[in-house]
Protein backbone atom coordinates (compact mmCIF):
# COMPACT_ATOMS: atom_id res chain seq x y z
CA MET A 1 0.00 0.00 0.00
CA SER A 2 1.31 3.45 -0.93
CA LYS A 3 2.15 5.87 1.87
CA PHE A 4 1.87 9.66 1.75
CA LEU A 5 4.83 11.83 2.76
CA ASN A 6 5.37 15.56 3.10
CA LEU A 7 7.64 17.20 0.53
CA SER A 8 10.67 17.48 2.85
CA ARG A 9 10.56 13.83 3.87
CA ALA A 10 10.07 12.73 0.25
CA ALA A 11 13.05 14.79 -0.92
CA LYS A 12 15.24 13.31 1.81
CA LEU A 13 14.26 9.78 0.78
CA ILE A 14 14.98 10.36 -2.91
CA GLY A 15 18.15 12.30 -2.16
CA VAL A 16 17.30 15.36 -4.27
CA PRO A 17 16.71 19.00 -3.29
CA ARG A 18 13.16 19.84 -2.25
CA ALA A 19 13.07 22.39 -5.08
CA ILE A 20 13.37 19.62 -7.68
CA LEU A 21 10.29 17.84 -6.31
CA GLN A 22 8.43 21.15 -6.28
CA GLN A 23 9.38 21.62 -9.92
CA TYR A 24 8.19 18.09 -10.77
CA VAL A 25 4.83 18.81 -9.10
CA LYS A 26 4.50 22.11 -10.97
CA GLU A 27 5.25 20.41 -14.30
CA GLY A 28 2.75 17.61 -13.59
CA ARG A 29 5.46 14.93 -13.50
CA LEU A 30 4.67 14.14 -9.87
CA GLU A 31 1.22 13.99 -8.30
CA SER A 32 0.59 15.91 -5.08
CA PHE A 33 -2.39 15.65 -2.76
CA ASP A 34 -2.80 18.51 -0.28
CA GLY A 35 0.96 18.98 -0.25
CA MET A 36 1.61 15.26 0.27
CA ILE A 37 3.30 12.88 -2.18
CA SER A 38 2.67 9.13 -2.37
CA THR A 39 5.55 6.67 -2.30
CA GLU A 40 4.05 5.04 -5.39
CA SER A 41 4.24 8.26 -7.44
CA LEU A 42 7.78 8.91 -6.14
CA LEU A 43 8.98 5.52 -7.37
CA ALA A 44 7.27 6.14 -10.72
CA ALA A 45 8.98 9.53 -11.10
CA PHE A 46 12.39 8.23 -9.94
CA PRO A 47 12.51 4.60 -11.14
CA GLU A 48 16.32 4.56 -11.11
CA SER A 49 16.41 4.91 -7.32
CA LYS A 50 17.64 1.74 -5.59
CA PHE A 51 16.99 2.20 -1.93
CA GLU A 52 18.22 -1.19 -0.75
CA GLU A 53 21.61 -0.60 -2.43
CA ASP A 54 21.75 3.20 -2.24
CA PRO A 55 20.87 4.46 1.27
CA VAL A 56 19.81 8.07 1.46
CA PHE A 57 23.01 9.20 3.17
CA GLU A 58 25.39 7.45 0.76
CA ARG A 59 24.76 9.80 -2.17
CA ILE A 60 25.78 12.89 -0.22
CA THR A 61 28.51 11.50 2.03
CA ARG A 62 31.42 12.51 -0.23
CA ILE A 63 30.31 16.07 -0.68
CA LYS A 64 29.39 16.65 2.96
CA GLU A 65 32.62 15.13 4.26
CA GLU A 66 34.61 17.57 2.12
CA SER A 67 32.36 20.60 2.52
CA PHE A 68 31.46 20.41 6.17
CA GLY A 69 34.51 18.64 7.60
CA LYS A 70 32.48 15.97 9.38
CA ARG A 71 32.72 12.21 9.39
CA ILE A 72 29.08 11.58 8.58
CA ARG A 73 29.03 7.96 9.69
CA GLU A 74 30.06 8.91 13.22
CA ARG A 75 26.87 10.94 13.71
CA ILE A 76 24.23 8.92 11.85
CA LEU A 77 22.72 7.49 15.03
CA PRO A 78 21.38 9.59 17.92
CA ASP A 79 22.38 8.93 21.50
CA ARG A 80 20.94 5.88 23.24
CA GLU A 81 18.13 7.64 25.11
CA VAL A 82 16.85 9.43 21.99
CA LEU A 83 17.20 6.26 19.91
CA SER A 84 15.30 4.31 22.56
CA ALA A 85 12.52 6.92 22.60
CA ARG A 86 12.18 6.86 18.81
CA LEU A 87 12.17 3.06 18.71
CA TYR A 88 9.54 2.99 21.45
CA GLU A 89 7.38 5.45 19.51
CA GLN A 90 7.56 3.30 16.39
CA SER A 91 6.87 0.15 18.42
CA ARG A 92 3.82 1.84 19.92
CA GLU A 93 2.55 2.81 16.46
CA LEU A 94 3.18 -0.73 15.19
CA ALA A 95 1.24 -2.20 18.14
CA ASP A 96 -1.61 0.23 17.46
CA TYR A 97 -1.72 -0.74 13.76
CA ARG A 98 -1.60 -4.43 14.67
CA ARG A 99 -4.46 -4.04 17.17
CA HIS A 100 -6.63 -2.30 14.57
CA LEU A 101 -5.71 -4.85 11.90
CA GLU A 102 -6.65 -7.76 14.18
CA ARG A 103 -9.94 -6.09 15.03
CA TYR A 104 -10.78 -5.44 11.37
CA HIS A 105 -9.83 -9.02 10.48
CA ALA A 106 -12.10 -10.35 13.23
CA ILE A 107 -14.98 -8.24 11.89
CA VAL A 108 -14.45 -9.56 8.36
CA VAL A 109 -14.29 -13.19 9.55
CA GLU A 110 -17.48 -12.68 11.58
CA ALA A 111 -19.17 -11.16 8.52
CA GLN A 112 -18.11 -14.21 6.47
CA GLU A 113 -19.78 -16.55 8.96
CA LYS A 114 -22.99 -14.55 8.98
CA LEU A 115 -23.08 -14.44 5.18
CA ARG A 116 -22.67 -18.22 4.99
CA VAL A 117 -25.66 -18.70 7.31
CA ILE A 118 -28.01 -16.64 5.16
CA SER A 119 -26.51 -17.40 1.71
CA SER A 120 -28.52 -20.63 1.22
CA ALA A 121 -31.78 -18.69 1.11
CA ARG A 122 -30.49 -15.73 -0.91
CA PRO A 123 -28.33 -16.39 -4.01
CA GLU A 124 -27.17 -12.77 -4.24
CA VAL A 125 -25.77 -13.10 -0.73
CA ALA A 126 -23.90 -16.24 -1.81
CA ASP A 127 -22.22 -14.22 -4.55
CA LEU A 128 -21.29 -11.58 -1.98
CA ALA A 129 -19.84 -14.26 0.30
CA LYS A 130 -17.70 -15.65 -2.55
CA TRP A 131 -16.45 -12.17 -3.41
CA LEU A 132 -15.54 -11.52 0.22
CA ASP A 133 -13.70 -14.85 0.46
CA HIS A 134 -11.74 -14.04 -2.70
CA GLU A 135 -10.83 -10.48 -1.64
CA LEU A 136 -9.77 -11.60 1.83
CA GLY A 137 -7.55 -14.25 0.29
CA GLU A 138 -5.97 -11.65 -2.01
CA ALA A 139 -5.40 -9.28 0.90
CA LEU A 140 -3.61 -11.93 2.91
CA VAL A 141 -1.14 -12.70 0.10
CA THR A 142 2.30 -11.42 1.13
CA GLU A 143 3.49 -8.64 -1.18
CA ALA A 144 6.94 -7.16 -1.60
CA PRO A 145 7.38 -4.33 0.91
CA ASP A 146 7.30 -0.71 -0.28
CA ALA A 147 10.99 0.24 -0.40
CA LEU A 148 10.25 3.91 0.23
CA ASP A 149 7.96 3.12 3.14
CA ALA A 150 10.66 0.93 4.73
CA MET A 151 13.28 3.64 4.18
CA GLU A 152 11.01 6.32 5.63
CA ASN A 153 10.51 4.25 8.77
CA TYR A 154 14.28 3.86 9.06
CA LEU A 155 14.81 7.60 8.63
CA ARG A 156 12.34 8.34 11.41
CA ILE A 157 14.73 6.50 13.72
CA VAL A 158 17.91 8.32 12.67
CA SER A 159 16.35 11.74 12.00
CA ALA A 160 13.45 13.93 13.07
CA HIS A 161 11.66 16.63 11.09
CA VAL A 162 11.54 20.18 12.49
CA ARG A 163 9.31 23.05 11.36
CA ILE A 164 10.11 26.58 12.55
CA GLU A 165 7.36 29.11 13.10
CA PRO A 166 6.64 31.80 12.01
CA SER A 167 9.05 31.44 9.05
CA GLY A 168 7.78 28.01 8.01
CA ARG A 169 11.32 26.73 7.38
CA GLU A 170 11.87 23.00 7.70
CA TYR A 171 14.92 20.87 8.43
CA PHE A 172 15.96 17.50 9.79
CA VAL A 173 17.84 16.65 12.96
CA ASP A 174 20.19 13.81 12.06
CA GLY A 175 21.98 11.54 14.48
CA ALA A 176 23.27 13.14 17.66
CA ASP A 177 22.90 16.76 16.51
CA THR A 178 21.16 19.32 18.69
CA LEU A 179 18.37 21.44 17.26
CA LEU A 180 20.83 24.31 16.81
CA GLU A 181 23.55 22.22 15.14
CA ALA A 182 21.06 20.69 12.72
CA ALA A 183 19.60 24.11 11.87
CA LEU A 184 23.06 25.50 11.06
CA ARG A 185 23.85 22.48 8.88
CA ALA A 186 20.58 23.12 7.02
CA GLY A 187 21.64 26.71 6.29
CA ILE A 188 19.18 28.26 8.74
CA ALA A 189 20.46 31.39 10.50
CA PHE A 190 19.13 30.39 13.91
CA ASN A 191 19.46 33.07 16.60
CA TYR A 192 22.19 32.00 19.05
CA GLY A 193 25.23 33.21 20.96
CA CYS A 194 27.55 30.84 22.79
CA SER A 195 26.06 27.55 21.48
CA GLY A 196 27.09 26.04 24.82
CA GLY A 197 24.06 26.50 27.08
CA ASN A 198 25.26 29.72 28.75
CA CYS A 199 23.64 32.74 27.10
CA GLY A 200 20.03 31.72 26.41
CA LEU A 201 19.89 33.44 22.99
CA CYS A 202 18.82 30.22 21.25
CA LYS A 203 15.63 29.89 23.29
CA ALA A 204 12.83 28.26 21.33
CA ARG A 205 9.27 27.36 22.29
CA LEU A 206 8.14 23.80 21.65
CA VAL A 207 4.73 23.95 19.96
CA SER A 208 4.28 20.22 19.33
CA GLY A 209 6.28 17.02 19.56
CA GLU A 210 8.88 15.94 22.09
CA THR A 211 12.47 17.04 22.74
CA ARG A 212 15.15 15.76 25.07
CA GLN A 213 18.07 17.56 26.70
CA VAL A 214 21.37 16.04 25.52
CA ARG A 215 23.87 18.73 26.63
CA HIS A 216 24.50 20.41 29.97
CA GLN A 217 23.21 23.99 30.29
CA ASP A 218 24.10 26.67 32.83
CA TYR A 219 21.47 29.13 31.62
CA ILE A 220 18.41 28.88 33.88
CA LEU A 221 14.96 29.17 32.33
CA SER A 222 12.27 30.77 34.49
CA GLU A 223 9.37 28.66 35.71
CA ALA A 224 7.05 30.62 33.43
CA GLU A 225 9.29 29.85 30.44
CA LYS A 226 9.38 26.17 31.33
CA ARG A 227 5.58 26.04 31.62
CA SER A 228 5.32 27.73 28.21
CA GLY A 229 7.51 25.07 26.66
CA PHE A 230 10.76 27.01 26.16
CA ILE A 231 13.99 25.06 25.65
CA LEU A 232 17.57 25.88 24.61
CA ALA A 233 18.12 24.72 21.04
CA CYS A 234 21.86 24.24 21.65
CA CYS A 235 21.20 21.67 24.40
CA HIS A 236 18.13 19.79 23.14
CA THR A 237 17.40 17.44 20.28
CA ALA A 238 14.15 16.24 18.73
CA VAL A 239 12.78 12.88 19.81
CA ASN A 240 10.13 12.89 17.08
CA ASP A 241 8.82 15.34 14.48
CA ILE A 242 8.35 18.72 16.15
CA VAL A 243 7.21 22.30 15.58
CA ILE A 244 9.04 25.13 17.36
CA GLU A 245 8.80 28.90 17.54
CA ALA A 246 12.26 30.50 17.17
CA LEU A 247 14.01 33.64 15.98
CA GLU A 248 16.15 33.68 12.83
CA ALA A 249 18.59 36.21 11.42
CA GLY A 250 17.00 37.48 8.24
CA GLN A 251 19.57 40.14 7.34
CA PRO A 252 23.29 40.78 8.01
CA GLU A 253 22.22 43.62 10.31
CA ASP A 254 20.61 41.04 12.62
CA ILE A 255 24.02 39.61 13.55
CA PRO A 256 26.17 41.62 15.98
CA VAL A 257 29.89 42.30 15.39
CA GLN A 258 31.99 40.02 17.59
CA GLU A 259 35.61 40.09 18.75
CA ILE A 260 37.14 36.65 19.26
CA GLU A 261 40.66 35.40 19.87
CA VAL A 262 41.17 32.51 17.45
CA LYS A 263 43.98 30.02 17.05
CA VAL A 264 45.65 28.95 13.82
CA LYS A 265 44.58 25.36 13.25
CA SER A 266 46.34 24.80 9.92
CA VAL A 267 48.14 26.55 7.05
CA GLU A 268 48.01 24.55 3.82
CA GLN A 269 49.33 25.32 0.36
CA VAL A 270 46.76 24.61 -2.35
CA GLY A 271 48.27 25.42 -5.73
CA ALA A 272 49.23 29.09 -5.64
CA ILE A 273 46.89 29.79 -2.72
CA SER A 274 47.38 29.44 1.03
CA ARG A 275 44.40 27.86 2.77
CA ILE A 276 44.28 28.93 6.42
CA THR A 277 41.94 27.50 9.04
CA LEU A 278 41.37 29.48 12.25
CA GLN A 279 39.57 27.89 15.18
CA THR A 280 37.42 29.73 17.72
CA PRO A 281 37.11 28.68 21.39
CA ARG A 282 34.28 26.22 22.06
CA SER A 283 32.48 28.79 24.20
CA SER A 284 32.80 31.71 21.74
CA ARG A 285 32.02 30.74 18.16
CA LEU A 286 31.61 33.16 15.28
CA ARG A 287 28.06 33.72 14.19
CA PHE A 288 27.95 34.86 10.55
CA LEU A 289 26.14 34.53 7.23
CA ALA A 290 27.68 32.82 4.22
CA GLY A 291 29.58 35.31 2.07
CA GLN A 292 30.48 37.67 4.91
CA SER A 293 33.99 38.81 5.90
CA VAL A 294 36.02 39.48 9.05
CA TYR A 295 38.96 41.72 9.94
CA LEU A 296 42.34 40.22 10.84
CA PHE A 297 45.39 42.46 11.30
CA ASP A 298 43.21 45.40 10.21
CA GLN A 299 42.59 43.78 6.82
CA GLU A 300 39.31 42.41 5.52
CA TYR A 301 39.18 38.72 4.59
CA PRO A 302 36.14 36.85 3.21
CA ILE A 303 35.28 33.63 5.03
CA ALA A 304 35.56 30.61 2.72
CA SER A 305 33.68 28.14 4.92
CA CYS A 306 29.96 27.96 5.59
CA PRO A 307 28.16 28.97 8.83
CA CYS A 308 27.32 25.32 9.48
CA ASP A 309 30.78 25.03 11.04
CA ASP A 310 30.99 28.18 13.16
CA ARG A 311 34.16 27.04 14.92
CA ASN A 312 36.53 26.27 12.06
CA LEU A 313 36.87 29.30 9.79
CA GLU A 314 38.58 28.93 6.41
CA PHE A 315 40.38 31.67 4.46
CA HIS A 316 42.15 31.74 1.07
CA VAL A 317 45.04 34.17 0.59
CA LEU A 318 47.95 34.76 -1.75
CA PRO A 319 51.38 33.45 -0.62
CA ASN A 320 52.74 36.89 0.28
CA ASP A 321 49.76 37.73 2.52
CA VAL A 322 50.35 38.20 6.25
CA LEU A 323 48.00 35.30 7.04
CA SER A 324 50.12 32.87 5.03
CA ARG A 325 53.02 33.52 7.39
CA LEU A 326 51.10 32.43 10.47
CA GLN A 327 52.20 29.30 12.31
CA LYS A 328 50.00 26.59 13.75
CA GLY A 329 48.95 27.40 17.32
CA GLU A 330 49.37 31.19 17.01
CA THR A 331 46.61 33.40 18.40
CA VAL A 332 44.93 36.11 16.29
CA LEU A 333 42.23 38.65 17.14
CA LEU A 334 39.26 38.38 14.80
CA GLN A 335 36.52 41.00 14.41
CA GLY A 336 33.33 40.54 12.44
CA PRO A 337 31.25 39.64 10.59
CA TYR A 338 30.86 42.39 8.00
CA GLY A 339 29.35 42.71 4.54
CA LYS A 340 26.10 42.10 2.69
CA PHE A 341 27.35 39.64 0.07
CA VAL A 342 24.78 37.02 1.10
CA LEU A 343 22.27 34.83 -0.70
CA ASN A 344 18.96 36.36 -1.72
CA GLU A 345 17.08 33.28 -0.55
CA ARG A 346 13.58 34.60 -1.14
CA SER A 347 13.99 35.80 -4.73
CA GLY A 348 12.75 32.55 -6.25
CA ARG A 349 15.62 32.64 -8.76
CA GLU A 350 18.39 30.07 -9.17
CA PRO A 351 21.96 31.14 -8.24
CA LEU A 352 24.81 31.56 -10.72
CA PHE A 353 28.26 31.96 -9.13
CA ILE A 354 31.18 33.47 -11.03
CA ALA A 355 34.64 33.56 -9.41
CA SER A 356 38.24 34.40 -10.24
CA GLU A 357 41.34 33.86 -8.10
CA THR A 358 40.70 34.23 -4.33
CA GLY A 359 37.20 35.50 -5.15
CA PHE A 360 36.39 31.80 -4.92
CA ALA A 361 36.62 32.10 -1.10
CA PRO A 362 33.29 33.90 -0.46
CA ILE A 363 31.73 32.05 -3.41
CA LYS A 364 32.67 28.72 -1.79
CA SER A 365 30.93 29.82 1.41
CA LEU A 366 27.81 30.81 -0.52
CA ILE A 367 27.73 27.55 -2.49
CA GLU A 368 28.02 25.40 0.63
CA HIS A 369 25.23 27.44 2.17
CA ALA A 370 23.08 27.04 -0.96
CA MET A 371 23.61 23.27 -0.87
CA ALA A 372 22.64 23.14 2.79
CA LEU A 373 19.46 25.18 2.19
CA ASP A 374 18.16 22.54 -0.24
CA ILE A 375 15.86 25.06 -2.00
CA TYR A 376 17.51 25.29 -5.43
CA SER A 377 16.93 23.03 -8.43
CA ALA A 378 19.85 24.44 -10.47
CA ILE A 379 23.12 25.80 -9.01
CA MET A 380 25.91 26.79 -11.39
CA LEU A 381 29.54 27.80 -10.80
CA ILE A 382 31.80 29.30 -13.46
CA ARG A 383 35.50 29.86 -12.66
CA THR A 384 38.42 31.16 -14.66
CA SER A 385 40.60 28.17 -15.52
CA HIS A 386 43.99 29.73 -14.70
CA ASP A 387 43.24 29.83 -10.95
CA GLY A 388 41.51 26.48 -10.52
CA TYR A 389 42.73 25.72 -7.00
CA LEU A 390 40.36 23.34 -5.23
CA SER A 391 38.95 22.45 -8.64
CA ASN A 392 38.72 18.83 -7.48
CA LEU A 393 36.31 19.96 -4.79
CA CYS A 394 34.15 21.69 -7.41
CA ARG A 395 34.14 18.56 -9.56
CA ALA A 396 33.16 16.50 -6.52
CA TRP A 397 30.21 18.83 -5.99
CA GLU A 398 29.14 18.30 -9.59
CA SER A 399 29.55 14.53 -9.31
CA ALA A 400 27.65 14.22 -6.04
CA LEU A 401 24.79 16.66 -6.62
CA ASP A 402 22.14 16.37 -9.33
CA ASN A 403 21.42 20.10 -9.28
CA PHE A 404 25.01 21.42 -9.56
CA ASP A 405 26.93 22.36 -12.72
CA TYR A 406 30.60 23.39 -12.79
CA VAL A 407 32.44 25.10 -15.66
CA GLU A 408 36.12 26.03 -15.62
CA THR A 409 36.95 28.27 -18.58
CA GLU A 410 38.57 31.47 -19.80
CA GLU A 411 35.53 32.12 -22.01
CA ILE A 412 33.06 32.95 -19.25
CA HIS A 413 30.62 34.69 -21.57
CA ALA A 414 30.31 31.59 -23.75
CA ALA A 415 29.43 29.49 -20.70
CA LEU A 416 26.72 31.81 -19.34
CA PRO A 417 23.22 30.32 -19.09
CA ASP A 418 20.01 32.31 -19.58
CA LEU A 419 20.33 35.12 -17.03
CA ALA A 420 16.64 36.04 -16.80
CA ALA A 421 15.85 33.59 -14.01
CA ARG A 422 19.23 33.84 -12.24
CA ASP A 423 20.72 35.76 -9.35
CA VAL A 424 24.42 36.28 -10.16
CA TYR A 425 27.05 36.29 -7.41
CA LEU A 426 30.36 37.67 -8.69
CA ALA A 427 33.71 37.80 -6.84
CA GLY A 428 37.36 38.22 -7.70
CA PRO A 429 39.96 40.96 -8.31
CA ALA A 430 38.48 44.45 -8.66
CA ALA A 431 39.27 44.74 -12.38
CA PHE A 432 37.70 41.34 -13.11
CA VAL A 433 34.55 42.17 -11.15
CA GLU A 434 34.14 45.56 -12.83
CA GLU A 435 34.59 44.12 -16.32
CA MET A 436 32.17 41.22 -15.70
CA LYS A 437 29.63 43.53 -14.11
CA LYS A 438 29.55 45.80 -17.18
CA SER A 439 29.32 42.81 -19.50
CA LEU A 440 26.50 41.12 -17.56
CA MET A 441 24.44 44.28 -17.37
CA ALA A 442 25.01 44.86 -21.09
CA LYS A 443 23.44 41.42 -21.62
CA GLY A 444 20.34 42.64 -19.82
CA LEU A 445 20.95 41.43 -16.28
CA PRO A 446 19.12 43.80 -13.90
CA ALA A 447 21.23 45.40 -11.18
CA SER A 448 18.86 43.90 -8.60
CA GLN A 449 20.00 40.41 -9.68
CA LEU A 450 23.74 41.08 -9.45
CA PHE A 451 25.65 40.75 -6.15
CA THR A 452 29.31 41.52 -5.44
CA PRO A 453 31.30 41.66 -2.15
CA SER A 454 31.58 45.46 -2.38
CA GLY A 455 27.90 45.82 -3.19
CA ALA A 456 28.88 48.07 -6.07
């Protein structure tokens, strides 16, 4: 029997962005009933999916391991108490279904007996009794299980669905993540401060569902807040599917400037570029939006990593830059974030990223954020070929993601797609940006659809 799933759960099962399913529904290639999609129609639309051989996490493991610096397999399962609670919930549902099924079966068997008693006097009743015998026999024949239904039941154990009000955003809590960690991985700019249970800025009100505290917290909620269902998102996880009320940062202005002493975690040479990773203290992480910059040594540097990892901050600099001379373990004062070079998430247009040289740093942050958001059906990156450092990473993105295209060329204009339905994010040396900006606008791209780090 086919099962109906919401769009987010269906997209997670298939392993494609939610936007692709929305596009399929719009084009009539996928049937939708009150916002729900049947497992039968999903399998018809994606017949190549092999769920027994291709688990939902396997398709994205490579890209997430490289992009987010996490060993995915280590966090697939939640902690024992949460896992036990989810298994109990499913066992309770199974027992409830079994009880109803046994009751319905008993009713049918009783109806069969009554029909047999009266069928001798009424031929039409005899026909009804035969039909009922036949249909009951057909119903009891063991059929192959619905692969999507089985996978969805498995996913309910390892992940829980979260809906945020009033924004309506949705995301999943996988494995041992807290509500805050999972929101950041999903590209949601959740309001928070310390992320360690001390400041209380990540307070959220539980509207429905069940959560469990999995981290220690020093911040004390008032009795009134507890009665109203408030929790700290950095210390709680979802036991089952939940709805919460929480604040999000909608604009760069919503995030305060922070000063943090960070340590040099690594300095790596990647082609002609130095790749520096700075690490914040556990109790003082940098809250920022993808595409923003910070000041180090009174110079502005774009962050190359995404906000999903707010502790390990990546930067790309030329070999003669002051950052490239840092040694592992050194301490640096960081100030930020700054800038408005962020994704226009609500435009409804697909993103096109164009980068040259170290302009790839903020573009990389934006792309990782766009992938985490899971709202785009077509993401494209064009880079100049002479500075293709980390090009293997870009090719891995293209290989792992159905909605990502990568072009490395000196003929950028020849590679441009139709710009009408695109937001263009452009970064690189000043001369390159200025030239590309003039060219793109000459091709009819409105200024409202063009974004650069300077905002010019």
